[in-house]
Structures are given as C-alpha cells and as structure tokens.
Amino acid sequence: MQRLAYSPTGQQVAGVERKGTDQLRNPATNELLGDLRPDDEHPHGPVVSLAYSPDGQRIATADKNGRVLLWDQATRLPTGTLLGPPPASMDAVHAVAYSPDQRTLATVSMNGTARL
C-alpha cells in the first residue's frame, strides 16, 4: 500500500496499492472488505490521496487526473464529483482532508493552491 487512511472507528483502513487500486481492509486481520468502484458517470484514475469523513460515512479521493470524488463507505460507490480535471493552467489536486465538523473538504494542488 502506498497511501492509507484509517476510518474514525479504526475498524477499516482505506489504502491505495501501487497499481492505483483503492481497497478497504480490516486492519486487525488484513481481510479485504472491498474496492471502491467507479462508474461511467464518475470515472477516476489512480488515487493520490484519500480521507474518511469524521463520521466515517464518506471517503474523499483525489486522483492523478485531478478529480476529487466522494464515495459512500458502505456501498463503496461514488456519490459525486467535487472537482473535475483541472484546467491546463492549474495543477492537479495532490491531497484531500475533511474538517472536524465534516462540512468542509480541503484540497491542495502541487503548486500549493488550497481550496475549501
């Protein structure tokens, strides 16, 4: 695994393998609980950052193509796209983080641009 994020309960860990696959695992047993499953409406490339919402119900991912997707943790399906691929004048998103009250998702790009 290259990137990891623990769920707030500590009962799941979301991770990204070298080939860019997003997996949910039980950290106590390393049991594979499932993969995040993109669909035609919400495509995504290899994930570079991910974060659980404070309530553990959602996962945000930023992919190599600059998309930020929101996922339902229980179904592992996308619920929406927060940001699409960036215009040529902007760098792709490189990190995501939820605020403690989960009302805000912060992103930062390789050029240092932060968005809330």
PDB file of N, CA and C in Angstrom:
ATOM      1  N   MET A   1       0.836  -1.179   0.000  1.00  0.00           N
ATOM      2  CA  MET A   1       0.000   0.000   0.000  1.00  0.00           C
ATOM      3  C   MET A   1       0.883   1.246   0.000  1.00  0.00           C
ATOM      4  N   GLN A   2       0.448   2.233  -0.768  1.00  0.00           N
ATOM      5  CA  GLN A   2       1.220   3.470  -0.850  1.00  0.00           C
ATOM      6  C   GLN A   2       0.608   4.595  -0.026  1.00  0.00           C
ATOM      7  N   ARG A   3      -0.705   4.640   0.063  1.00  0.00           N
ATOM      8  CA  ARG A   3      -1.392   5.672   0.835  1.00  0.00           C
ATOM      9  C   ARG A   3      -2.442   4.994   1.688  1.00  0.00           C
ATOM     10  N   LEU A   4      -2.606   5.475   2.915  1.00  0.00           N
ATOM     11  CA  LEU A   4      -3.555   4.873   3.842  1.00  0.00           C
ATOM     12  C   LEU A   4      -4.353   5.938   4.566  1.00  0.00           C
ATOM     13  N   ALA A   5      -5.587   5.591   4.932  1.00  0.00           N
ATOM     14  CA  ALA A   5      -6.408   6.439   5.788  1.00  0.00           C
ATOM     15  C   ALA A   5      -7.242   5.526   6.664  1.00  0.00           C
ATOM     16  N   TYR A   6      -7.172   5.716   7.968  1.00  0.00           N
ATOM     17  CA  TYR A   6      -7.995   4.957   8.895  1.00  0.00           C
ATOM     18  C   TYR A   6      -9.371   5.578   8.997  1.00  0.00           C
ATOM     19  N   SER A   7     -10.388   4.721   9.127  1.00  0.00           N
ATOM     20  CA  SER A   7     -11.728   5.214   9.423  1.00  0.00           C
ATOM     21  C   SER A   7     -11.716   5.754  10.851  1.00  0.00           C
ATOM     22  N   PRO A   8     -12.641   6.652  11.191  1.00  0.00           N
ATOM     23  CA  PRO A   8     -12.662   7.202  12.548  1.00  0.00           C
ATOM     24  C   PRO A   8     -12.813   6.133  13.643  1.00  0.00           C
ATOM     25  N   THR A   9     -13.461   5.021  13.332  1.00  0.00           N
ATOM     26  CA  THR A   9     -13.629   3.952  14.325  1.00  0.00           C
ATOM     27  C   THR A   9     -12.397   3.063  14.426  1.00  0.00           C
ATOM     28  N   GLY A  10     -11.517   3.141  13.433  1.00  0.00           N
ATOM     29  CA  GLY A  10     -10.336   2.298  13.398  1.00  0.00           C
ATOM     30  C   GLY A  10     -10.620   0.888  12.913  1.00  0.00           C
ATOM     31  N   GLN A  11     -11.865   0.625  12.483  1.00  0.00           N
ATOM     32  CA  GLN A  11     -12.235  -0.723  12.056  1.00  0.00           C
ATOM     33  C   GLN A  11     -12.031  -0.954  10.564  1.00  0.00           C
ATOM     34  N   GLN A  12     -11.691   0.097   9.836  1.00  0.00           N
ATOM     35  CA  GLN A  12     -11.389  -0.018   8.411  1.00  0.00           C
ATOM     36  C   GLN A  12     -10.189   0.851   8.096  1.00  0.00           C
ATOM     37  N   VAL A  13      -9.465   0.423   7.097  1.00  0.00           N
ATOM     38  CA  VAL A  13      -8.408   1.252   6.553  1.00  0.00           C
ATOM     39  C   VAL A  13      -8.600   1.255   5.038  1.00  0.00           C
ATOM     40  N   ALA A  14      -8.568   2.451   4.461  1.00  0.00           N
ATOM     41  CA  ALA A  14      -8.634   2.595   3.011  1.00  0.00           C
ATOM     42  C   ALA A  14      -7.208   2.779   2.536  1.00  0.00           C
ATOM     43  N   GLY A  15      -6.859   2.047   1.505  1.00  0.00           N
ATOM     44  CA  GLY A  15      -5.495   2.123   1.014  1.00  0.00           C
ATOM     45  C   GLY A  15      -5.437   2.092  -0.488  1.00  0.00           C
ATOM     46  N   VAL A  16      -4.345   2.584  -1.010  1.00  0.00           N
ATOM     47  CA  VAL A  16      -4.103   2.609  -2.446  1.00  0.00           C
ATOM     48  C   VAL A  16      -2.874   1.756  -2.719  1.00  0.00           C
ATOM     49  N   GLU A  17      -3.045   0.755  -3.561  1.00  0.00           N
ATOM     50  CA  GLU A  17      -1.930  -0.086  -3.957  1.00  0.00           C
ATOM     51  C   GLU A  17      -1.118   0.599  -5.041  1.00  0.00           C
ATOM     52  N   ARG A  18       0.035   0.077  -5.330  1.00  0.00           N
ATOM     53  CA  ARG A  18       0.914   0.664  -6.349  1.00  0.00           C
ATOM     54  C   ARG A  18       0.251   0.784  -7.697  1.00  0.00           C
ATOM     55  N   LYS A  19      -0.600  -0.154  -8.048  1.00  0.00           N
ATOM     56  CA  LYS A  19      -1.276  -0.086  -9.344  1.00  0.00           C
ATOM     57  C   LYS A  19      -2.463   0.875  -9.334  1.00  0.00           C
ATOM     58  N   GLY A  20      -2.691   1.578  -8.215  1.00  0.00           N
ATOM     59  CA  GLY A  20      -3.735   2.579  -8.139  1.00  0.00           C
ATOM     60  C   GLY A  20      -5.081   2.060  -7.702  1.00  0.00           C
ATOM     61  N   THR A  21      -5.162   0.804  -7.254  1.00  0.00           N
ATOM     62  CA  THR A  21      -6.419   0.226  -6.799  1.00  0.00           C
ATOM     63  C   THR A  21      -6.721   0.693  -5.383  1.00  0.00           C
ATOM     64  N   ASP A  22      -7.955   1.117  -5.161  1.00  0.00           N
ATOM     65  CA  ASP A  22      -8.394   1.560  -3.839  1.00  0.00           C
ATOM     66  C   ASP A  22      -9.038   0.378  -3.134  1.00  0.00           C
ATOM     67  N   GLN A  23      -8.546   0.055  -1.955  1.00  0.00           N
ATOM     68  CA  GLN A  23      -9.074  -1.085  -1.217  1.00  0.00           C
ATOM     69  C   GLN A  23      -9.461  -0.687   0.193  1.00  0.00           C
ATOM     70  N   LEU A  24     -10.511  -1.324   0.699  1.00  0.00           N
ATOM     71  CA  LEU A  24     -10.900  -1.182   2.094  1.00  0.00           C
ATOM     72  C   LEU A  24     -10.557  -2.496   2.781  1.00  0.00           C
ATOM     73  N   ARG A  25      -9.860  -2.408   3.919  1.00  0.00           N
ATOM     74  CA  ARG A  25      -9.421  -3.610   4.628  1.00  0.00           C
ATOM     75  C   ARG A  25      -9.719  -3.496   6.117  1.00  0.00           C
ATOM     76  N   ASN A  26      -9.820  -4.649   6.749  1.00  0.00           N
ATOM     77  CA  ASN A  26      -9.906  -4.725   8.193  1.00  0.00           C
ATOM     78  C   ASN A  26      -8.462  -4.682   8.691  1.00  0.00           C
ATOM     79  N   PRO A  27      -8.070  -3.657   9.464  1.00  0.00           N
ATOM     80  CA  PRO A  27      -6.665  -3.556   9.861  1.00  0.00           C
ATOM     81  C   PRO A  27      -6.227  -4.630  10.849  1.00  0.00           C
ATOM     82  N   ALA A  28      -7.164  -5.235  11.571  1.00  0.00           N
ATOM     83  CA  ALA A  28      -6.793  -6.267  12.535  1.00  0.00           C
ATOM     84  C   ALA A  28      -6.449  -7.591  11.850  1.00  0.00           C
ATOM     85  N   THR A  29      -7.147  -7.884  10.738  1.00  0.00           N
ATOM     86  CA  THR A  29      -6.964  -9.179  10.070  1.00  0.00           C
ATOM     87  C   THR A  29      -6.380  -9.062   8.671  1.00  0.00           C
ATOM     88  N   ASN A  30      -6.319  -7.846   8.138  1.00  0.00           N
ATOM     89  CA  ASN A  30      -5.907  -7.569   6.759  1.00  0.00           C
ATOM     90  C   ASN A  30      -6.899  -8.137   5.740  1.00  0.00           C
ATOM     91  N   GLU A  31      -8.100  -8.504   6.200  1.00  0.00           N
ATOM     92  CA  GLU A  31      -9.143  -9.011   5.304  1.00  0.00           C
ATOM     93  C   GLU A  31      -9.584  -7.918   4.337  1.00  0.00           C
ATOM     94  N   LEU A  32      -9.659  -8.267   3.068  1.00  0.00           N
ATOM     95  CA  LEU A  32     -10.151  -7.341   2.055  1.00  0.00           C
ATOM     96  C   LEU A  32     -11.662  -7.213   2.203  1.00  0.00           C
ATOM     97  N   LEU A  33     -12.138  -5.993   2.449  1.00  0.00           N
ATOM     98  CA  LEU A  33     -13.569  -5.738   2.598  1.00  0.00           C
ATOM     99  C   LEU A  33     -14.197  -5.318   1.277  1.00  0.00           C
ATOM    100  N   GLY A  34     -13.377  -4.859   0.341  1.00  0.00           N
ATOM    101  CA  GLY A  34     -13.867  -4.472  -0.968  1.00  0.00           C
ATOM    102  C   GLY A  34     -13.037  -3.351  -1.570  1.00  0.00           C
ATOM    103  N   ASP A  35     -13.356  -3.033  -2.811  1.00  0.00           N
ATOM    104  CA  ASP A  35     -12.691  -1.950  -3.543  1.00  0.00           C
ATOM    105  C   ASP A  35     -13.683  -0.823  -3.767  1.00  0.00           C
ATOM    106  N   LEU A  36     -13.169   0.398  -3.900  1.00  0.00           N
ATOM    107  CA  LEU A  36     -14.021   1.495  -4.360  1.00  0.00           C
ATOM    108  C   LEU A  36     -14.287   1.247  -5.830  1.00  0.00           C
ATOM    109  N   ARG A  37     -15.545   1.403  -6.240  1.00  0.00           N
ATOM    110  CA  ARG A  37     -15.938   1.020  -7.598  1.00  0.00           C
ATOM    111  C   ARG A  37     -16.430   2.232  -8.384  1.00  0.00           C
ATOM    112  N   PRO A  38     -15.584   2.789  -9.247  1.00  0.00           N
ATOM    113  CA  PRO A  38     -16.038   3.904 -10.087  1.00  0.00           C
ATOM    114  C   PRO A  38     -17.092   3.429 -11.081  1.00  0.00           C
ATOM    115  N   ASP A  39     -17.864   4.383 -11.595  1.00  0.00           N
ATOM    116  CA  ASP A  39     -18.853   4.054 -12.622  1.00  0.00           C
ATOM    117  C   ASP A  39     -18.652   4.994 -13.808  1.00  0.00           C
ATOM    118  N   ASP A  40     -19.461   4.835 -14.847  1.00  0.00           N
ATOM    119  CA  ASP A  40     -19.308   5.647 -16.058  1.00  0.00           C
ATOM    120  C   ASP A  40     -19.505   7.131 -15.784  1.00  0.00           C
ATOM    121  N   GLU A  41     -20.384   7.451 -14.850  1.00  0.00           N
ATOM    122  CA  GLU A  41     -20.664   8.851 -14.536  1.00  0.00           C
ATOM    123  C   GLU A  41     -19.566   9.476 -13.680  1.00  0.00           C
ATOM    124  N   HIS A  42     -18.830   8.640 -12.930  1.00  0.00           N
ATOM    125  CA  HIS A  42     -17.787   9.113 -12.024  1.00  0.00           C
ATOM    126  C   HIS A  42     -16.489   8.341 -12.259  1.00  0.00           C
ATOM    127  N   PRO A  43     -15.838   8.546 -13.420  1.00  0.00           N
ATOM    128  CA  PRO A  43     -14.578   7.834 -13.654  1.00  0.00           C
ATOM    129  C   PRO A  43     -13.474   8.396 -12.759  1.00  0.00           C
ATOM    130  N   HIS A  44     -12.472   7.607 -12.501  1.00  0.00           N
ATOM    131  CA  HIS A  44     -11.309   8.148 -11.808  1.00  0.00           C
ATOM    132  C   HIS A  44     -10.075   7.358 -12.162  1.00  0.00           C
ATOM    133  N   GLY A  45      -8.954   8.067 -12.057  1.00  0.00           N
ATOM    134  CA  GLY A  45      -7.666   7.458 -12.344  1.00  0.00           C
ATOM    135  C   GLY A  45      -7.009   6.996 -11.060  1.00  0.00           C
ATOM    136  N   PRO A  46      -5.720   6.679 -11.119  1.00  0.00           N
ATOM    137  CA  PRO A  46      -5.002   6.241  -9.926  1.00  0.00           C
ATOM    138  C   PRO A  46      -5.087   7.295  -8.809  1.00  0.00           C
ATOM    139  N   VAL A  47      -5.423   6.849  -7.613  1.00  0.00           N
ATOM    140  CA  VAL A  47      -5.635   7.757  -6.472  1.00  0.00           C
ATOM    141  C   VAL A  47      -4.301   8.195  -5.886  1.00  0.00           C
ATOM    142  N   VAL A  48      -4.207   9.505  -5.593  1.00  0.00           N
ATOM    143  CA  VAL A  48      -3.006  10.060  -4.980  1.00  0.00           C
ATOM    144  C   VAL A  48      -3.239  10.464  -3.527  1.00  0.00           C
ATOM    145  N   SER A  49      -4.505  10.601  -3.114  1.00  0.00           N
ATOM    146  CA  SER A  49      -4.812  10.968  -1.741  1.00  0.00           C
ATOM    147  C   SER A  49      -6.228  10.521  -1.416  1.00  0.00           C
ATOM    148  N   LEU A  50      -6.469  10.187  -0.145  1.00  0.00           N
ATOM    149  CA  LEU A  50      -7.808   9.821   0.282  1.00  0.00           C
ATOM    150  C   LEU A  50      -7.987  10.167   1.751  1.00  0.00           C
ATOM    151  N   ALA A  51      -9.256  10.389   2.140  1.00  0.00           N
ATOM    152  CA  ALA A  51      -9.574  10.748   3.522  1.00  0.00           C
ATOM    153  C   ALA A  51     -10.989  10.309   3.855  1.00  0.00           C
ATOM    154  N   TYR A  52     -11.170   9.789   5.074  1.00  0.00           N
ATOM    155  CA  TYR A  52     -12.512   9.484   5.586  1.00  0.00           C
ATOM    156  C   TYR A  52     -13.128  10.750   6.158  1.00  0.00           C
ATOM    157  N   SER A  53     -14.445  10.874   6.026  1.00  0.00           N
ATOM    158  CA  SER A  53     -15.159  11.935   6.737  1.00  0.00           C
ATOM    159  C   SER A  53     -15.126  11.592   8.223  1.00  0.00           C
ATOM    160  N   PRO A  54     -15.243  12.598   9.098  1.00  0.00           N
ATOM    161  CA  PRO A  54     -15.193  12.324  10.538  1.00  0.00           C
ATOM    162  C   PRO A  54     -16.251  11.333  11.031  1.00  0.00           C
ATOM    163  N   ASP A  55     -17.408  11.257  10.361  1.00  0.00           N
ATOM    164  CA  ASP A  55     -18.424  10.285  10.782  1.00  0.00           C
ATOM    165  C   ASP A  55     -18.191   8.907  10.153  1.00  0.00           C
ATOM    166  N   GLY A  56     -17.199   8.793   9.267  1.00  0.00           N
ATOM    167  CA  GLY A  56     -16.849   7.526   8.646  1.00  0.00           C
ATOM    168  C   GLY A  56     -17.775   7.080   7.534  1.00  0.00           C
ATOM    169  N   GLN A  57     -18.752   7.898   7.169  1.00  0.00           N
ATOM    170  CA  GLN A  57     -19.734   7.502   6.161  1.00  0.00           C
ATOM    171  C   GLN A  57     -19.278   7.755   4.730  1.00  0.00           C
ATOM    172  N   ARG A  58     -18.323   8.660   4.552  1.00  0.00           N
ATOM    173  CA  ARG A  58     -17.853   9.007   3.213  1.00  0.00           C
ATOM    174  C   ARG A  58     -16.328   8.947   3.149  1.00  0.00           C
ATOM    175  N   ILE A  59     -15.859   8.729   1.927  1.00  0.00           N
ATOM    176  CA  ILE A  59     -14.425   8.767   1.650  1.00  0.00           C
ATOM    177  C   ILE A  59     -14.236   9.734   0.486  1.00  0.00           C
ATOM    178  N   ALA A  60     -13.279  10.623   0.601  1.00  0.00           N
ATOM    179  CA  ALA A  60     -12.925  11.523  -0.497  1.00  0.00           C
ATOM    180  C   ALA A  60     -11.617  11.024  -1.098  1.00  0.00           C
ATOM    181  N   THR A  61     -11.552  11.016  -2.431  1.00  0.00           N
ATOM    182  CA  THR A  61     -10.316  10.636  -3.111  1.00  0.00           C
ATOM    183  C   THR A  61      -9.939  11.705  -4.119  1.00  0.00           C
ATOM    184  N   ALA A  62      -8.641  11.905  -4.284  1.00  0.00           N
ATOM    185  CA  ALA A  62      -8.109  12.746  -5.353  1.00  0.00           C
ATOM    186  C   ALA A  62      -7.320  11.824  -6.263  1.00  0.00           C
ATOM    187  N   ASP A  63      -7.597  11.906  -7.562  1.00  0.00           N
ATOM    188  CA  ASP A  63      -6.880  11.013  -8.470  1.00  0.00           C
ATOM    189  C   ASP A  63      -5.804  11.758  -9.240  1.00  0.00           C
ATOM    190  N   LYS A  64      -4.981  10.998  -9.925  1.00  0.00           N
ATOM    191  CA  LYS A  64      -3.840  11.538 -10.676  1.00  0.00           C
ATOM    192  C   LYS A  64      -4.274  12.518 -11.761  1.00  0.00           C
ATOM    193  N   ASN A  65      -5.532  12.403 -12.214  1.00  0.00           N
ATOM    194  CA  ASN A  65      -6.053  13.288 -13.254  1.00  0.00           C
ATOM    195  C   ASN A  65      -6.667  14.564 -12.699  1.00  0.00           C
ATOM    196  N   GLY A  66      -6.628  14.746 -11.370  1.00  0.00           N
ATOM    197  CA  GLY A  66      -7.130  15.965 -10.760  1.00  0.00           C
ATOM    198  C   GLY A  66      -8.566  15.907 -10.298  1.00  0.00           C
ATOM    199  N   ARG A  67      -9.227  14.770 -10.431  1.00  0.00           N
ATOM    200  CA  ARG A  67     -10.614  14.659  -9.971  1.00  0.00           C
ATOM    201  C   ARG A  67     -10.654  14.391  -8.470  1.00  0.00           C
ATOM    202  N   VAL A  68     -11.645  15.001  -7.811  1.00  0.00           N
ATOM    203  CA  VAL A  68     -11.925  14.699  -6.417  1.00  0.00           C
ATOM    204  C   VAL A  68     -13.316  14.085  -6.375  1.00  0.00           C
ATOM    205  N   LEU A  69     -13.382  12.836  -5.930  1.00  0.00           N
ATOM    206  CA  LEU A  69     -14.651  12.114  -5.855  1.00  0.00           C
ATOM    207  C   LEU A  69     -15.028  11.863  -4.409  1.00  0.00           C
ATOM    208  N   LEU A  70     -16.338  11.825  -4.167  1.00  0.00           N
ATOM    209  CA  LEU A  70     -16.879  11.456  -2.868  1.00  0.00           C
ATOM    210  C   LEU A  70     -17.515  10.081  -3.007  1.00  0.00           C
ATOM    211  N   TRP A  71     -17.291   9.211  -2.019  1.00  0.00           N
ATOM    212  CA  TRP A  71     -17.736   7.824  -2.055  1.00  0.00           C
ATOM    213  C   TRP A  71     -18.559   7.511  -0.820  1.00  0.00           C
ATOM    214  N   ASP A  72     -19.559   6.653  -0.987  1.00  0.00           N
ATOM    215  CA  ASP A  72     -20.292   6.106   0.141  1.00  0.00           C
ATOM    216  C   ASP A  72     -19.467   4.942   0.686  1.00  0.00           C
ATOM    217  N   GLN A  73     -19.111   5.013   1.948  1.00  0.00           N
ATOM    218  CA  GLN A  73     -18.245   3.988   2.533  1.00  0.00           C
ATOM    219  C   GLN A  73     -18.929   2.625   2.561  1.00  0.00           C
ATOM    220  N   ALA A  74     -20.223   2.581   2.830  1.00  0.00           N
ATOM    221  CA  ALA A  74     -20.925   1.299   2.952  1.00  0.00           C
ATOM    222  C   ALA A  74     -21.075   0.580   1.609  1.00  0.00           C
ATOM    223  N   THR A  75     -21.447   1.332   0.562  1.00  0.00           N
ATOM    224  CA  THR A  75     -21.670   0.712  -0.752  1.00  0.00           C
ATOM    225  C   THR A  75     -20.415   0.693  -1.596  1.00  0.00           C
ATOM    226  N   ARG A  76     -19.437   1.535  -1.242  1.00  0.00           N
ATOM    227  CA  ARG A  76     -18.186   1.702  -1.984  1.00  0.00           C
ATOM    228  C   ARG A  76     -18.424   2.255  -3.392  1.00  0.00           C
ATOM    229  N   LEU A  77     -19.548   2.962  -3.568  1.00  0.00           N
ATOM    230  CA  LEU A  77     -19.881   3.569  -4.852  1.00  0.00           C
ATOM    231  C   LEU A  77     -19.719   5.081  -4.760  1.00  0.00           C
ATOM    232  N   PRO A  78     -19.387   5.739  -5.882  1.00  0.00           N
ATOM    233  CA  PRO A  78     -19.259   7.192  -5.869  1.00  0.00           C
ATOM    234  C   PRO A  78     -20.608   7.862  -5.686  1.00  0.00           C
ATOM    235  N   THR A  79     -20.609   8.957  -4.931  1.00  0.00           N
ATOM    236  CA  THR A  79     -21.836   9.729  -4.734  1.00  0.00           C
ATOM    237  C   THR A  79     -21.772  11.073  -5.447  1.00  0.00           C
ATOM    238  N   GLY A  80     -20.598  11.467  -5.903  1.00  0.00           N
ATOM    239  CA  GLY A  80     -20.485  12.723  -6.623  1.00  0.00           C
ATOM    240  C   GLY A  80     -19.051  13.100  -6.894  1.00  0.00           C
ATOM    241  N   THR A  81     -18.900  14.041  -7.809  1.00  0.00           N
ATOM    242  CA  THR A  81     -17.594  14.592  -8.153  1.00  0.00           C
ATOM    243  C   THR A  81     -17.518  15.994  -7.590  1.00  0.00           C
ATOM    244  N   LEU A  82     -16.550  16.242  -6.736  1.00  0.00           N
ATOM    245  CA  LEU A  82     -16.381  17.564  -6.159  1.00  0.00           C
ATOM    246  C   LEU A  82     -15.613  18.470  -7.112  1.00  0.00           C
ATOM    247  N   LEU A  83     -14.561  17.940  -7.698  1.00  0.00           N
ATOM    248  CA  LEU A  83     -13.764  18.684  -8.664  1.00  0.00           C
ATOM    249  C   LEU A  83     -13.491  17.785  -9.859  1.00  0.00           C
ATOM    250  N   GLY A  84     -13.599  18.344 -11.056  1.00  0.00           N
ATOM    251  CA  GLY A  84     -13.235  17.614 -12.257  1.00  0.00           C
ATOM    252  C   GLY A  84     -11.776  17.839 -12.571  1.00  0.00           C
ATOM    253  N   PRO A  85     -11.321  17.348 -13.702  1.00  0.00           N
ATOM    254  CA  PRO A  85      -9.925  17.580 -14.080  1.00  0.00           C
ATOM    255  C   PRO A  85      -9.645  19.079 -14.129  1.00  0.00           C
ATOM    256  N   PRO A  86      -8.491  19.500 -13.653  1.00  0.00           N
ATOM    257  CA  PRO A  86      -8.187  20.930 -13.620  1.00  0.00           C
ATOM    258  C   PRO A  86      -7.918  21.492 -15.012  1.00  0.00           C
ATOM    259  N   PRO A  87      -8.185  22.800 -15.179  1.00  0.00           N
ATOM    260  CA  PRO A  87      -7.800  23.427 -16.446  1.00  0.00           C
ATOM    261  C   PRO A  87      -6.286  23.376 -16.605  1.00  0.00           C
ATOM    262  N   ALA A  88      -5.817  23.551 -17.813  1.00  0.00           N
ATOM    263  CA  ALA A  88      -4.379  23.447 -18.102  1.00  0.00           C
ATOM    264  C   ALA A  88      -3.548  24.400 -17.249  1.00  0.00           C
ATOM    265  N   SER A  89      -4.144  25.494 -16.788  1.00  0.00           N
ATOM    266  CA  SER A  89      -3.398  26.489 -16.014  1.00  0.00           C
ATOM    267  C   SER A  89      -3.241  26.102 -14.544  1.00  0.00           C
ATOM    268  N   MET A  90      -3.875  25.012 -14.118  1.00  0.00           N
ATOM    269  CA  MET A  90      -3.812  24.611 -12.714  1.00  0.00           C
ATOM    270  C   MET A  90      -3.211  23.223 -12.577  1.00  0.00           C
ATOM    271  N   ASP A  91      -2.556  22.984 -11.457  1.00  0.00           N
ATOM    272  CA  ASP A  91      -2.035  21.660 -11.151  1.00  0.00           C
ATOM    273  C   ASP A  91      -3.139  20.768 -10.590  1.00  0.00           C
ATOM    274  N   ALA A  92      -2.949  19.489 -10.712  1.00  0.00           N
ATOM    275  CA  ALA A  92      -3.905  18.522 -10.176  1.00  0.00           C
ATOM    276  C   ALA A  92      -3.883  18.533  -8.645  1.00  0.00           C
ATOM    277  N   VAL A  93      -4.992  18.153  -8.063  1.00  0.00           N
ATOM    278  CA  VAL A  93      -5.090  18.029  -6.607  1.00  0.00           C
ATOM    279  C   VAL A  93      -4.155  16.918  -6.153  1.00  0.00           C
ATOM    280  N   HIS A  94      -3.482  17.168  -5.032  1.00  0.00           N
ATOM    281  CA  HIS A  94      -2.500  16.212  -4.557  1.00  0.00           C
ATOM    282  C   HIS A  94      -2.795  15.739  -3.136  1.00  0.00           C
ATOM    283  N   ALA A  95      -3.732  16.413  -2.419  1.00  0.00           N
ATOM    284  CA  ALA A  95      -4.110  15.964  -1.078  1.00  0.00           C
ATOM    285  C   ALA A  95      -5.520  16.450  -0.759  1.00  0.00           C
ATOM    286  N   VAL A  96      -6.240  15.638   0.036  1.00  0.00           N
ATOM    287  CA  VAL A  96      -7.587  15.994   0.495  1.00  0.00           C
ATOM    288  C   VAL A  96      -7.666  15.758   2.000  1.00  0.00           C
ATOM    289  N   ALA A  97      -8.495  16.574   2.682  1.00  0.00           N
ATOM    290  CA  ALA A  97      -8.710  16.406   4.123  1.00  0.00           C
ATOM    291  C   ALA A  97     -10.053  17.012   4.503  1.00  0.00           C
ATOM    292  N   TYR A  98     -10.786  16.308   5.369  1.00  0.00           N
ATOM    293  CA  TYR A  98     -12.055  16.809   5.893  1.00  0.00           C
ATOM    294  C   TYR A  98     -11.809  17.673   7.122  1.00  0.00           C
ATOM    295  N   SER A  99     -12.672  18.662   7.324  1.00  0.00           N
ATOM    296  CA  SER A  99     -12.665  19.419   8.571  1.00  0.00           C
ATOM    297  C   SER A  99     -13.312  18.557   9.654  1.00  0.00           C
ATOM    298  N   PRO A 100     -13.019  18.813  10.932  1.00  0.00           N
ATOM    299  CA  PRO A 100     -13.600  18.004  12.006  1.00  0.00           C
ATOM    300  C   PRO A 100     -15.135  17.990  12.019  1.00  0.00           C
ATOM    301  N   ASP A 101     -15.767  19.094  11.579  1.00  0.00           N
ATOM    302  CA  ASP A 101     -17.238  19.119  11.557  1.00  0.00           C
ATOM    303  C   ASP A 101     -17.796  18.529  10.260  1.00  0.00           C
ATOM    304  N   GLN A 102     -16.939  18.037   9.391  1.00  0.00           N
ATOM    305  CA  GLN A 102     -17.202  17.399   8.095  1.00  0.00           C
ATOM    306  C   GLN A 102     -18.010  18.237   7.122  1.00  0.00           C
ATOM    307  N   ARG A 103     -18.103  19.523   7.362  1.00  0.00           N
ATOM    308  CA  ARG A 103     -18.832  20.397   6.445  1.00  0.00           C
ATOM    309  C   ARG A 103     -17.929  20.935   5.338  1.00  0.00           C
ATOM    310  N   THR A 104     -16.619  20.790   5.507  1.00  0.00           N
ATOM    311  CA  THR A 104     -15.674  21.333   4.537  1.00  0.00           C
ATOM    312  C   THR A 104     -14.648  20.273   4.160  1.00  0.00           C
ATOM    313  N   LEU A 105     -14.364  20.216   2.872  1.00  0.00           N
ATOM    314  CA  LEU A 105     -13.289  19.357   2.380  1.00  0.00           C
ATOM    315  C   LEU A 105     -12.221  20.274   1.817  1.00  0.00           C
ATOM    316  N   ALA A 106     -11.019  20.145   2.310  1.00  0.00           N
ATOM    317  CA  ALA A 106      -9.904  20.954   1.824  1.00  0.00           C
ATOM    318  C   ALA A 106      -9.109  20.140   0.809  1.00  0.00           C
ATOM    319  N   THR A 107      -8.662  20.826  -0.243  1.00  0.00           N
ATOM    320  CA  THR A 107      -7.780  20.199  -1.236  1.00  0.00           C
ATOM    321  C   THR A 107      -6.568  21.103  -1.421  1.00  0.00           C
ATOM    322  N   VAL A 108      -5.456  20.493  -1.776  1.00  0.00           N
ATOM    323  CA  VAL A 108      -4.266  21.263  -2.107  1.00  0.00           C
ATOM    324  C   VAL A 108      -3.671  20.671  -3.380  1.00  0.00           C
ATOM    325  N   SER A 109      -3.215  21.575  -4.247  1.00  0.00           N
ATOM    326  CA  SER A 109      -2.615  21.170  -5.517  1.00  0.00           C
ATOM    327  C   SER A 109      -1.097  21.184  -5.407  1.00  0.00           C
ATOM    328  N   MET A 110      -0.462  20.572  -6.392  1.00  0.00           N
ATOM    329  CA  MET A 110       1.001  20.508  -6.394  1.00  0.00           C
ATOM    330  C   MET A 110       1.646  21.887  -6.394  1.00  0.00           C
ATOM    331  N   ASN A 111       0.953  22.884  -6.941  1.00  0.00           N
ATOM    332  CA  ASN A 111       1.511  24.236  -6.963  1.00  0.00           C
ATOM    333  C   ASN A 111       1.238  24.997  -5.667  1.00  0.00           C
ATOM    334  N   GLY A 112       0.607  24.338  -4.674  1.00  0.00           N
ATOM    335  CA  GLY A 112       0.355  24.962  -3.383  1.00  0.00           C
ATOM    336  C   GLY A 112      -1.016  25.618  -3.266  1.00  0.00           C
ATOM    337  N   THR A 113      -1.816  25.601  -4.322  1.00  0.00           N
ATOM    338  CA  THR A 113      -3.153  26.180  -4.274  1.00  0.00           C
ATOM    339  C   THR A 113      -4.046  25.338  -3.372  1.00  0.00           C
ATOM    340  N   ALA A 114      -4.652  25.967  -2.384  1.00  0.00           N
ATOM    341  CA  ALA A 114      -5.590  25.272  -1.491  1.00  0.00           C
ATOM    342  C   ALA A 114      -7.001  25.745  -1.809  1.00  0.00           C
ATOM    343  N   ARG A 115      -7.941  24.809  -1.758  1.00  0.00           N
ATOM    344  CA  ARG A 115      -9.357  25.134  -1.959  1.00  0.00           C
ATOM    345  C   ARG A 115     -10.165  24.529  -0.822  1.00  0.00           C
ATOM    346  N   LEU A 116     -11.208  25.226  -0.433  1.00  0.00           N
ATOM    347  CA  LEU A 116     -12.119  24.715   0.594  1.00  0.00           C
ATOM    348  C   LEU A 116     -13.494  24.541  -0.007  1.00  0.00           C
TER     349      LEU A 116
END
